């Protein structure tokens, strides 16, 4: 984006409202009740497009967000839902304080719990769209919402109507809206580009891990990561990286695994692991959870209060180095190697190495989270639906695993960690830049709609 040259208005006056401060001379204040009227028209059949509203996307069609096969709504009927017309303001009264309101680009219907308002003629809906979603107004909505805790706050119509609204002349409303449409679109494109870069960096990291633990070192994409590999068009990392010299390979003898380095071994897990079913007597050990994102981690680190049991006696005990599977979510990679002693759900699978120096813990976890193993879990798990799939102990014991000696595993992990540090640093840089862009966008909107900056590009 080109650097903006910010100007002030020629003269300001005290608004008389403490949280608004000064506003440009020539601008007015009106309470929202004099600018909007509430609409409470109901659908007789519920056949119109169902709309939703969020702080991120404003008002959208629910059908545009629903995955194929999922339900549009759990309601038995949409009869009696509130009708919305194009340019009506839709407010989720429970979340208005975080920006979950906006002007609708569509005709449709929405939850009867929402509030619908129509702006008086002679004003710009687009200007007020930015105004009501600005940080300064979200803060005011929060102050005027009713409720004891944040998750129970409600911005009722009387409270919304009582809030003071800035009111520039219509020509300036239109100019401000046009200015913000242009500038925020540019910022959003810059953010999207950086989010794409982050996705590609994460893809690169996964490719490095995948190839290292399945094909060994000296294989494609196992050499040094360089951010320069990503050009200005965000090319896929797999298309602009030089191949290293390939290692001699052999057929693993397992169809779903394919070729492996010729000196690697192939063994069924039953020859390498045994199942552990030791139970906690009083449940006082560290409670561990298992997920596809973080592997095996203390539940206390996640600040999770849902699904907590009163008594954890009878939970399975796992030790440092044990492999733990969440048998219900193995199909999406919910497994890991424990780094400490603790307890897990009695329904989890816990497996211990027969020879404790057989595997580098990180190598084992990376290996069993690769795409080929995830596909295997999906293929052999039992159940009619993904939410009911189970990966039982006999399935694990019959599974083949390929691996080099411990020394080479250690070298592979050192390589992965070295490259991961570089990639993670590049990701953090992009994330920091996204934060700054979002702050710029917020500052720009607040400044323009409140008159702190004059809309002009000189």
Protein backbone atom coordinates (compact mmCIF):
# COMPACT_ATOMS: atom_id res chain seq x y z
CA UNK A 1 0.00 0.00 0.00
CA UNK A 2 1.11 3.53 -0.68
CA UNK A 3 1.73 5.57 2.45
CA UNK A 4 -1.29 7.65 3.36
CA UNK A 5 -0.95 11.36 3.92
CA UNK A 6 -3.24 12.02 6.85
CA UNK A 7 -4.92 15.42 7.11
CA UNK A 8 -7.08 17.00 9.78
CA UNK A 9 -10.28 18.94 9.25
CA UNK A 10 -9.88 22.75 9.32
CA UNK A 11 -11.76 23.13 12.60
CA UNK A 12 -13.14 20.92 15.38
CA UNK A 13 -15.70 21.34 18.14
CA UNK A 14 -16.42 19.56 21.40
CA UNK A 15 -19.02 16.87 20.76
CA UNK A 16 -20.27 17.07 24.33
CA UNK A 17 -19.90 13.28 24.55
CA UNK A 18 -16.84 12.26 26.54
CA UNK A 19 -16.06 9.02 24.67
CA UNK A 20 -16.28 10.78 21.29
CA UNK A 21 -14.28 13.88 22.15
CA UNK A 22 -13.94 16.48 19.40
CA UNK A 23 -15.63 16.12 16.03
CA UNK A 24 -15.23 18.21 12.86
CA UNK A 25 -17.11 21.48 12.79
CA UNK A 26 -20.16 21.01 10.60
CA UNK A 27 -20.75 17.45 11.80
CA UNK A 28 -23.70 16.68 14.05
CA UNK A 29 -24.70 14.14 16.69
CA UNK A 30 -27.93 12.18 16.74
CA UNK A 31 -29.02 9.34 18.95
CA UNK A 32 -29.46 6.15 16.94
CA UNK A 33 -33.20 6.20 17.63
CA UNK A 34 -33.48 9.25 15.37
CA UNK A 35 -31.50 7.61 12.57
CA UNK A 36 -32.93 4.05 12.59
CA UNK A 37 -36.27 2.40 13.01
CA UNK A 38 -36.68 -1.16 14.21
CA UNK A 39 -38.20 -3.67 11.77
CA UNK A 40 -40.09 -6.71 13.04
CA UNK A 41 -41.60 -8.26 9.92
CA UNK A 42 -41.93 -12.05 10.13
CA UNK A 43 -41.70 -14.76 7.48
CA UNK A 44 -44.94 -16.67 6.97
CA UNK A 45 -43.35 -19.73 5.34
CA UNK A 46 -39.63 -19.56 6.18
CA UNK A 47 -38.65 -20.20 2.57
CA UNK A 48 -36.40 -17.15 2.16
CA UNK A 49 -32.59 -17.31 2.25
CA UNK A 50 -31.35 -17.84 5.80
CA UNK A 51 -28.82 -15.15 6.76
CA UNK A 52 -26.19 -15.06 9.49
CA UNK A 53 -24.01 -12.26 10.86
CA UNK A 54 -20.46 -12.35 12.22
CA UNK A 55 -17.75 -9.94 13.29
CA UNK A 56 -15.53 -11.13 10.43
CA UNK A 57 -17.82 -11.28 7.40
CA UNK A 58 -20.83 -9.16 8.32
CA UNK A 59 -24.12 -10.47 6.95
CA UNK A 60 -23.83 -13.53 4.70
CA UNK A 61 -26.03 -16.31 3.37
CA UNK A 62 -25.86 -19.32 5.67
CA UNK A 63 -25.91 -21.60 2.62
CA UNK A 64 -22.56 -20.16 1.49
CA UNK A 65 -20.89 -21.41 4.67
CA UNK A 66 -22.48 -24.84 5.07
CA UNK A 67 -20.42 -27.82 3.97
CA UNK A 68 -22.02 -30.30 1.58
CA UNK A 69 -24.14 -32.77 3.52
CA UNK A 70 -24.40 -30.58 6.64
CA UNK A 71 -27.67 -29.10 7.89
CA UNK A 72 -28.47 -25.47 7.13
CA UNK A 73 -30.17 -25.21 10.52
CA UNK A 74 -31.36 -27.49 13.30
CA UNK A 75 -34.65 -25.58 13.59
CA UNK A 76 -37.71 -27.61 12.59
CA UNK A 77 -39.16 -24.61 10.77
CA UNK A 78 -38.05 -21.10 9.80
CA UNK A 79 -41.57 -19.80 9.93
CA UNK A 80 -41.65 -16.71 12.14
CA UNK A 81 -38.03 -15.78 11.46
CA UNK A 82 -37.41 -12.07 10.99
CA UNK A 83 -37.42 -10.77 7.42
CA UNK A 84 -34.41 -8.81 6.24
CA UNK A 85 -34.26 -6.58 3.17
CA UNK A 86 -31.18 -5.38 1.36
CA UNK A 87 -29.45 -2.55 3.32
CA UNK A 88 -31.16 -3.41 6.60
CA UNK A 89 -28.86 -3.44 9.66
CA UNK A 90 -28.81 -6.89 11.27
CA UNK A 91 -27.57 -7.09 14.87
CA UNK A 92 -26.82 -10.21 16.84
CA UNK A 93 -27.74 -8.65 20.16
CA UNK A 94 -25.60 -11.16 22.07
CA UNK A 95 -22.44 -10.30 20.12
CA UNK A 96 -22.95 -6.73 18.92
CA UNK A 97 -20.18 -5.69 21.32
CA UNK A 98 -17.61 -7.61 19.25
CA UNK A 99 -18.83 -6.36 15.87
CA UNK A 100 -21.39 -9.03 15.01
CA UNK A 101 -23.69 -6.63 13.18
CA UNK A 102 -23.77 -5.17 9.70
CA UNK A 103 -25.85 -4.07 6.74
CA UNK A 104 -27.21 -6.90 4.65
CA UNK A 105 -26.38 -7.13 0.94
CA UNK A 106 -29.30 -9.56 0.54
CA UNK A 107 -32.99 -10.07 1.11
CA UNK A 108 -33.62 -12.99 3.44
CA UNK A 109 -34.55 -14.06 6.97
CA UNK A 110 -32.61 -14.34 10.20
CA UNK A 111 -32.98 -15.52 13.77
CA UNK A 112 -35.95 -14.06 15.67
CA UNK A 113 -33.47 -13.29 18.46
CA UNK A 114 -31.66 -10.76 16.25
CA UNK A 115 -32.60 -7.11 15.90
CA UNK A 116 -33.28 -5.58 12.48
CA UNK A 117 -33.01 -1.83 11.88
CA UNK A 118 -33.56 0.34 8.81
CA UNK A 119 -31.57 3.53 8.28
CA UNK A 120 -33.48 6.70 7.51
CA UNK A 121 -33.26 7.94 3.93
CA UNK A 122 -30.67 10.58 3.19
CA UNK A 123 -27.86 8.64 4.88
CA UNK A 124 -25.19 6.24 3.62
CA UNK A 125 -25.63 2.63 4.71
CA UNK A 126 -22.00 2.00 3.82
CA UNK A 127 -20.77 4.77 6.12
CA UNK A 128 -22.84 3.45 8.99
CA UNK A 129 -21.63 -0.09 8.27
CA UNK A 130 -18.11 1.09 9.08
CA UNK A 131 -19.29 3.24 11.97
CA UNK A 132 -21.14 0.52 13.91
CA UNK A 133 -18.28 -1.97 13.39
CA UNK A 134 -15.55 0.46 14.46
CA UNK A 135 -13.60 -0.19 17.65
CA UNK A 136 -14.87 2.95 19.34
CA UNK A 137 -18.51 1.97 18.76
CA UNK A 138 -17.97 -1.69 19.67
CA UNK A 139 -16.61 -0.48 23.00
CA UNK A 140 -19.68 1.70 23.48
CA UNK A 141 -21.99 -1.19 22.58
CA UNK A 142 -20.25 -3.27 25.24
CA UNK A 143 -20.68 -0.55 27.87
CA UNK A 144 -24.39 -0.33 27.08
CA UNK A 145 -25.04 -4.09 26.94
CA UNK A 146 -26.84 -5.85 29.77
CA UNK A 147 -25.40 -8.92 31.47
CA UNK A 148 -23.12 -10.08 34.24
CA UNK A 149 -20.51 -11.89 32.15
CA UNK A 150 -19.22 -11.28 28.64
CA UNK A 151 -20.86 -14.38 27.15
CA UNK A 152 -24.26 -13.19 28.40
CA UNK A 153 -24.14 -9.54 27.29
CA UNK A 154 -27.16 -8.28 25.32
CA UNK A 155 -27.49 -5.01 23.38
CA UNK A 156 -31.23 -4.45 23.40
CA UNK A 157 -32.95 -1.99 21.07
CA UNK A 158 -33.61 0.67 23.74
CA UNK A 159 -29.94 0.65 24.71
CA UNK A 160 -28.79 0.76 21.08
CA UNK A 161 -31.17 3.63 20.31
CA UNK A 162 -29.87 5.64 23.29
CA UNK A 163 -26.29 5.73 21.98
CA UNK A 164 -25.03 8.90 20.32
CA UNK A 165 -24.12 8.60 16.65
CA UNK A 166 -21.76 10.83 14.74
CA UNK A 167 -23.52 12.31 11.72
CA UNK A 168 -21.44 13.92 8.96
CA UNK A 169 -23.17 15.58 6.00
CA UNK A 170 -24.26 13.00 3.42
CA UNK A 171 -21.55 14.06 0.95
CA UNK A 172 -18.89 13.33 3.53
CA UNK A 173 -20.57 10.06 4.57
CA UNK A 174 -20.34 8.94 0.96
CA UNK A 175 -16.75 10.11 0.56
CA UNK A 176 -15.67 8.38 3.80
CA UNK A 177 -17.36 5.12 2.77
CA UNK A 178 -15.70 5.22 -0.66
CA UNK A 179 -12.31 5.96 0.91
CA UNK A 180 -12.64 3.09 3.40
CA UNK A 181 -13.88 0.66 0.75
CA UNK A 182 -10.74 1.35 -1.25
CA UNK A 183 -8.22 1.34 1.59
CA UNK A 184 -9.63 -1.62 3.52
CA UNK A 185 -9.82 -3.69 0.32
CA UNK A 186 -6.10 -3.05 -0.25
CA UNK A 187 -5.30 -3.97 3.34
CA UNK A 188 -7.43 -7.13 3.09
CA UNK A 189 -5.59 -8.15 -0.09
CA UNK A 190 -2.25 -7.64 1.66
CA UNK A 191 -3.44 -9.73 4.61
CA UNK A 192 -4.71 -12.47 2.29
CA UNK A 193 -1.35 -12.56 0.52
CA UNK A 194 0.48 -12.98 3.82
CA UNK A 195 -1.98 -15.66 4.96
CA UNK A 196 -1.26 -17.50 1.72
CA UNK A 197 2.46 -17.18 2.42
CA UNK A 198 1.92 -18.66 5.90
CA UNK A 199 -0.02 -21.58 4.39
CA UNK A 200 2.82 -22.23 1.94
CA UNK A 201 5.43 -22.04 4.69
CA UNK A 202 3.46 -24.57 6.75
CA UNK A 203 3.16 -26.74 3.64
CA UNK A 204 6.92 -26.56 3.17
CA UNK A 205 7.48 -27.60 6.78
CA UNK A 206 5.18 -30.59 6.40
CA UNK A 207 6.89 -31.64 3.16
CA UNK A 208 10.29 -31.49 4.84
CA UNK A 209 9.01 -33.60 7.75
CA UNK A 210 7.15 -36.03 5.49
CA UNK A 211 10.11 -36.71 3.22
CA UNK A 212 12.65 -36.88 6.03
CA UNK A 213 10.78 -39.50 8.07
CA UNK A 214 9.60 -41.57 5.10
CA UNK A 215 12.48 -41.29 2.61
CA UNK A 216 15.42 -40.25 4.77
CA UNK A 217 17.90 -37.44 4.29
CA UNK A 218 19.49 -36.56 0.93
CA UNK A 219 16.01 -36.64 -0.57
CA UNK A 220 13.93 -33.99 -2.33
CA UNK A 221 13.27 -30.98 -0.08
CA UNK A 222 15.51 -32.24 2.72
CA UNK A 223 18.17 -29.59 2.12
CA UNK A 224 18.23 -26.13 3.67
CA UNK A 225 15.09 -24.01 3.70
CA UNK A 226 15.48 -20.53 2.24
CA UNK A 227 12.69 -17.94 2.35
CA UNK A 228 13.95 -16.70 -1.03
CA UNK A 229 12.48 -19.89 -2.51
CA UNK A 230 9.10 -18.20 -2.11
CA UNK A 231 8.80 -15.61 -4.87
CA UNK A 232 6.48 -12.62 -5.00
CA UNK A 233 3.74 -14.76 -6.53
CA UNK A 234 3.87 -17.22 -3.61
CA UNK A 235 4.78 -20.20 -5.72
CA UNK A 236 4.24 -23.58 -4.16
CA UNK A 237 7.45 -24.66 -2.45
CA UNK A 238 7.40 -27.96 -4.29
CA UNK A 239 7.76 -26.24 -7.67
CA UNK A 240 10.69 -23.94 -7.10
CA UNK A 241 13.11 -26.01 -5.04
CA UNK A 242 16.09 -27.90 -6.44
CA UNK A 243 16.12 -31.63 -5.91
CA UNK A 244 18.92 -33.19 -3.92
CA UNK A 245 20.57 -36.44 -4.88
CA UNK A 246 18.20 -39.35 -4.32
CA UNK A 247 19.16 -42.20 -1.98
CA UNK A 248 18.99 -45.81 -3.18
CA UNK A 249 15.49 -47.11 -2.58
CA UNK A 250 13.75 -50.49 -2.31
CA UNK A 251 10.18 -51.75 -2.30
CA UNK A 252 8.96 -51.88 1.30
CA UNK A 253 6.70 -54.81 0.46
CA UNK A 254 3.76 -52.85 1.87
CA UNK A 255 1.50 -51.49 -0.84
CA UNK A 256 0.34 -48.39 1.05
CA UNK A 257 3.89 -47.45 2.08
CA UNK A 258 5.72 -47.93 -1.23
CA UNK A 259 9.47 -47.41 -1.54
CA UNK A 260 11.85 -46.78 1.36
CA UNK A 261 15.64 -46.35 1.64
CA UNK A 262 17.21 -49.75 1.00
CA UNK A 263 18.83 -50.05 4.45
CA UNK A 264 15.63 -49.21 6.41
CA UNK A 265 13.70 -51.91 8.24
CA UNK A 266 10.02 -52.84 7.98
CA UNK A 267 8.35 -54.42 11.00
CA UNK A 268 4.87 -54.92 12.33
CA UNK A 269 4.19 -52.90 15.45
CA UNK A 270 3.50 -56.06 17.47
CA UNK A 271 7.22 -56.84 17.29
CA UNK A 272 8.19 -53.38 18.51
CA UNK A 273 5.51 -52.41 21.05
CA UNK A 274 3.26 -53.92 23.68
CA UNK A 275 -0.01 -52.51 24.95
CA UNK A 276 -0.05 -50.89 28.39
CA UNK A 277 -3.18 -50.99 30.51
CA UNK A 278 -1.86 -49.88 33.90
CA UNK A 279 -4.53 -47.92 35.79
CA UNK A 280 -4.33 -45.04 38.25
CA UNK A 281 -5.52 -45.85 41.75
CA UNK A 282 -6.57 -42.34 42.82
CA UNK A 283 -6.29 -40.30 39.59
CA UNK A 284 -3.91 -37.75 41.10
CA UNK A 285 -1.32 -37.92 38.32
CA UNK A 286 -0.93 -35.19 35.68
CA UNK A 287 -3.93 -35.32 33.33
CA UNK A 288 -2.80 -35.49 29.71
CA UNK A 289 -4.76 -34.93 26.52
CA UNK A 290 -4.04 -36.10 22.98
CA UNK A 291 -4.81 -34.08 19.85
CA UNK A 292 -3.80 -33.97 16.20
CA UNK A 293 -2.41 -30.46 16.73
CA UNK A 294 -0.28 -30.78 19.84
CA UNK A 295 0.22 -34.50 20.41
CA UNK A 296 0.36 -35.49 24.09
CA UNK A 297 0.29 -32.44 26.37
CA UNK A 298 -0.83 -31.62 29.93
CA UNK A 299 -4.47 -30.66 29.87
CA UNK A 300 -3.72 -27.86 32.34
CA UNK A 301 -1.79 -26.03 29.61
CA UNK A 302 -4.88 -25.79 27.41
CA UNK A 303 -7.25 -24.11 29.88
CA UNK A 304 -9.99 -26.59 28.97
CA UNK A 305 -12.87 -26.79 31.42
CA UNK A 306 -15.28 -28.80 29.29
CA UNK A 307 -15.77 -32.55 29.77
CA UNK A 308 -13.93 -32.56 33.10
CA UNK A 309 -14.59 -35.58 35.30
CA UNK A 310 -15.01 -35.50 39.07
CA UNK A 311 -12.87 -38.61 39.53
CA UNK A 312 -9.95 -39.79 37.39
CA UNK A 313 -9.26 -43.02 39.23
CA UNK A 314 -9.09 -45.86 36.72
CA UNK A 315 -7.47 -43.67 34.06
CA UNK A 316 -4.67 -45.23 32.07
CA UNK A 317 -1.14 -44.41 33.17
CA UNK A 318 1.42 -43.56 30.49
CA UNK A 319 5.12 -42.95 30.93
CA UNK A 320 7.67 -40.78 29.20
CA UNK A 321 8.21 -42.36 25.77
CA UNK A 322 4.85 -44.15 25.57
CA UNK A 323 2.89 -43.86 22.34
CA UNK A 324 -0.70 -42.74 22.95
CA UNK A 325 -3.59 -42.95 20.47
CA UNK A 326 -6.96 -41.30 20.87
CA UNK A 327 -8.69 -44.24 19.23
CA UNK A 328 -11.75 -42.15 18.28
CA UNK A 329 -9.72 -39.50 16.46
CA UNK A 330 -6.73 -41.46 15.16
CA UNK A 331 -8.14 -41.00 11.66
CA UNK A 332 -7.19 -37.32 11.86
CA UNK A 333 -3.83 -37.83 13.58
CA UNK A 334 -4.77 -37.55 17.26
CA UNK A 335 -1.74 -39.36 18.64
CA UNK A 336 1.62 -38.58 20.16
CA UNK A 337 4.54 -39.72 22.27
CA UNK A 338 4.41 -38.69 25.93
CA UNK A 339 7.23 -36.59 27.35
CA UNK A 340 6.21 -37.24 30.95
CA UNK A 341 4.34 -39.63 33.18
CA UNK A 342 0.63 -38.92 33.46
CA UNK A 343 -2.86 -40.28 32.99
CA UNK A 344 -5.09 -40.39 29.93
CA UNK A 345 -8.61 -41.53 29.16
CA UNK A 346 -9.16 -45.25 29.82
CA UNK A 347 -10.48 -45.50 26.25
CA UNK A 348 -7.15 -44.40 24.73
CA UNK A 349 -4.55 -46.81 23.38
CA UNK A 350 -1.20 -46.73 25.19
CA UNK A 351 1.78 -48.59 23.71
CA UNK A 352 5.32 -48.97 25.05
CA UNK A 353 8.48 -49.84 23.12
CA UNK A 354 9.85 -53.31 23.82
CA UNK A 355 13.33 -51.83 23.48
CA UNK A 356 13.29 -48.28 24.80
CA UNK A 357 16.07 -47.12 22.46
CA UNK A 358 14.30 -48.34 19.31
CA UNK A 359 12.98 -44.93 18.37
CA UNK A 360 13.71 -41.26 18.73
CA UNK A 361 10.43 -40.04 20.26
CA UNK A 362 10.08 -37.16 17.82
CA UNK A 363 10.83 -39.40 14.84
CA UNK A 364 8.16 -41.87 15.93
CA UNK A 365 5.51 -39.19 16.38
CA UNK A 366 6.30 -37.45 13.09
CA UNK A 367 6.32 -40.81 11.32
CA UNK A 368 2.92 -41.89 12.55
CA UNK A 369 1.37 -38.53 11.65
CA UNK A 370 2.42 -38.60 8.00
CA UNK A 371 -0.21 -38.70 5.28
CA UNK A 372 0.28 -42.38 4.48
CA UNK A 373 -0.40 -43.39 8.09
CA UNK A 374 -3.38 -41.08 8.44
CA UNK A 375 -4.82 -42.73 5.32
CA UNK A 376 -4.15 -46.12 6.86
CA UNK A 377 -6.02 -45.23 10.07
CA UNK A 378 -8.98 -44.08 7.99
CA UNK A 379 -8.92 -47.25 5.94
CA UNK A 380 -8.77 -49.82 8.76
CA UNK A 381 -10.73 -48.05 11.52
CA UNK A 382 -14.20 -49.45 12.17
CA UNK A 383 -17.38 -47.39 12.15
CA UNK A 384 -20.04 -46.11 9.79
CA UNK A 385 -19.24 -42.41 10.14
CA UNK A 386 -16.03 -40.41 10.75
CA UNK A 387 -17.30 -39.37 14.18
CA UNK A 388 -17.71 -43.05 15.09
CA UNK A 389 -14.45 -44.48 13.72
CA UNK A 390 -12.28 -46.44 16.15
CA UNK A 391 -8.62 -47.48 15.75
CA UNK A 392 -8.25 -50.43 18.10
CA UNK A 393 -5.13 -52.12 19.50
CA UNK A 394 -5.17 -55.07 17.10
CA UNK A 395 -5.19 -52.63 14.17
CA UNK A 396 -2.13 -50.88 15.56
CA UNK A 397 -0.30 -54.15 16.27
CA UNK A 398 -0.89 -55.39 12.69
CA UNK A 399 0.38 -52.11 11.19
CA UNK A 400 3.81 -52.01 9.53
CA UNK A 401 6.28 -49.27 10.36
CA UNK A 402 9.46 -48.40 8.46
CA UNK A 403 12.51 -46.89 10.13
CA UNK A 404 16.32 -46.52 10.08
CA UNK A 405 18.60 -47.13 13.05
CA UNK A 406 18.41 -44.82 16.06
CA UNK A 407 21.51 -42.86 15.01
CA UNK A 408 19.96 -41.91 11.68
CA UNK A 409 16.64 -41.09 13.35
CA UNK A 410 18.51 -38.63 15.58
CA UNK A 411 20.11 -36.99 12.54
CA UNK A 412 16.73 -36.74 10.80
CA UNK A 413 15.20 -35.01 13.82
CA UNK A 414 18.14 -32.60 14.09
CA UNK A 415 17.63 -31.71 10.43
CA UNK A 416 13.86 -31.24 10.88
CA UNK A 417 14.34 -29.05 13.94
CA UNK A 418 16.97 -26.91 12.21
CA UNK A 419 14.72 -26.30 9.21
CA UNK A 420 11.62 -25.84 11.38
CA UNK A 421 13.27 -23.01 13.32
CA UNK A 422 13.87 -21.11 10.08
CA UNK A 423 10.35 -21.71 8.81
CA UNK A 424 8.73 -20.85 12.15
CA UNK A 425 10.66 -17.56 12.22
CA UNK A 426 9.40 -16.75 8.73
CA UNK A 427 5.83 -17.59 9.81
CA UNK A 428 6.10 -15.36 12.89
CA UNK A 429 7.30 -12.49 10.72
CA UNK A 430 4.26 -12.83 8.45
CA UNK A 431 1.94 -13.09 11.47
CA UNK A 432 3.43 -9.94 13.00
CA UNK A 433 2.90 -8.08 9.73
CA UNK A 434 -0.72 -9.27 9.62
CA UNK A 435 -1.28 -7.91 13.15
CA UNK A 436 0.11 -4.54 12.08
CA UNK A 437 -2.09 -4.48 8.97
CA UNK A 438 -5.18 -5.26 11.04
CA UNK A 439 -4.25 -2.51 13.49
CA UNK A 440 -3.82 -0.11 10.57
CA UNK A 441 -7.23 -1.07 9.22
CA UNK A 442 -8.88 -0.55 12.60
CA UNK A 443 -7.13 2.78 13.16
CA UNK A 444 -8.06 3.93 9.67
CA UNK A 445 -11.74 3.09 10.13
CA UNK A 446 -11.96 4.68 13.58
CA UNK A 447 -10.14 7.80 12.43
CA UNK A 448 -12.25 8.27 9.29
CA UNK A 449 -15.71 7.70 10.79
CA UNK A 450 -15.03 9.92 13.82
CA UNK A 451 -13.39 12.71 11.83
CA UNK A 452 -9.98 12.36 13.47
CA UNK A 453 -8.55 12.13 9.97
CA UNK A 454 -9.85 13.91 6.91
CA UNK A 455 -10.59 11.71 3.94
CA UNK A 456 -8.18 12.94 1.34
CA UNK A 457 -5.25 11.49 -0.58
CA UNK A 458 -2.92 14.36 -1.48
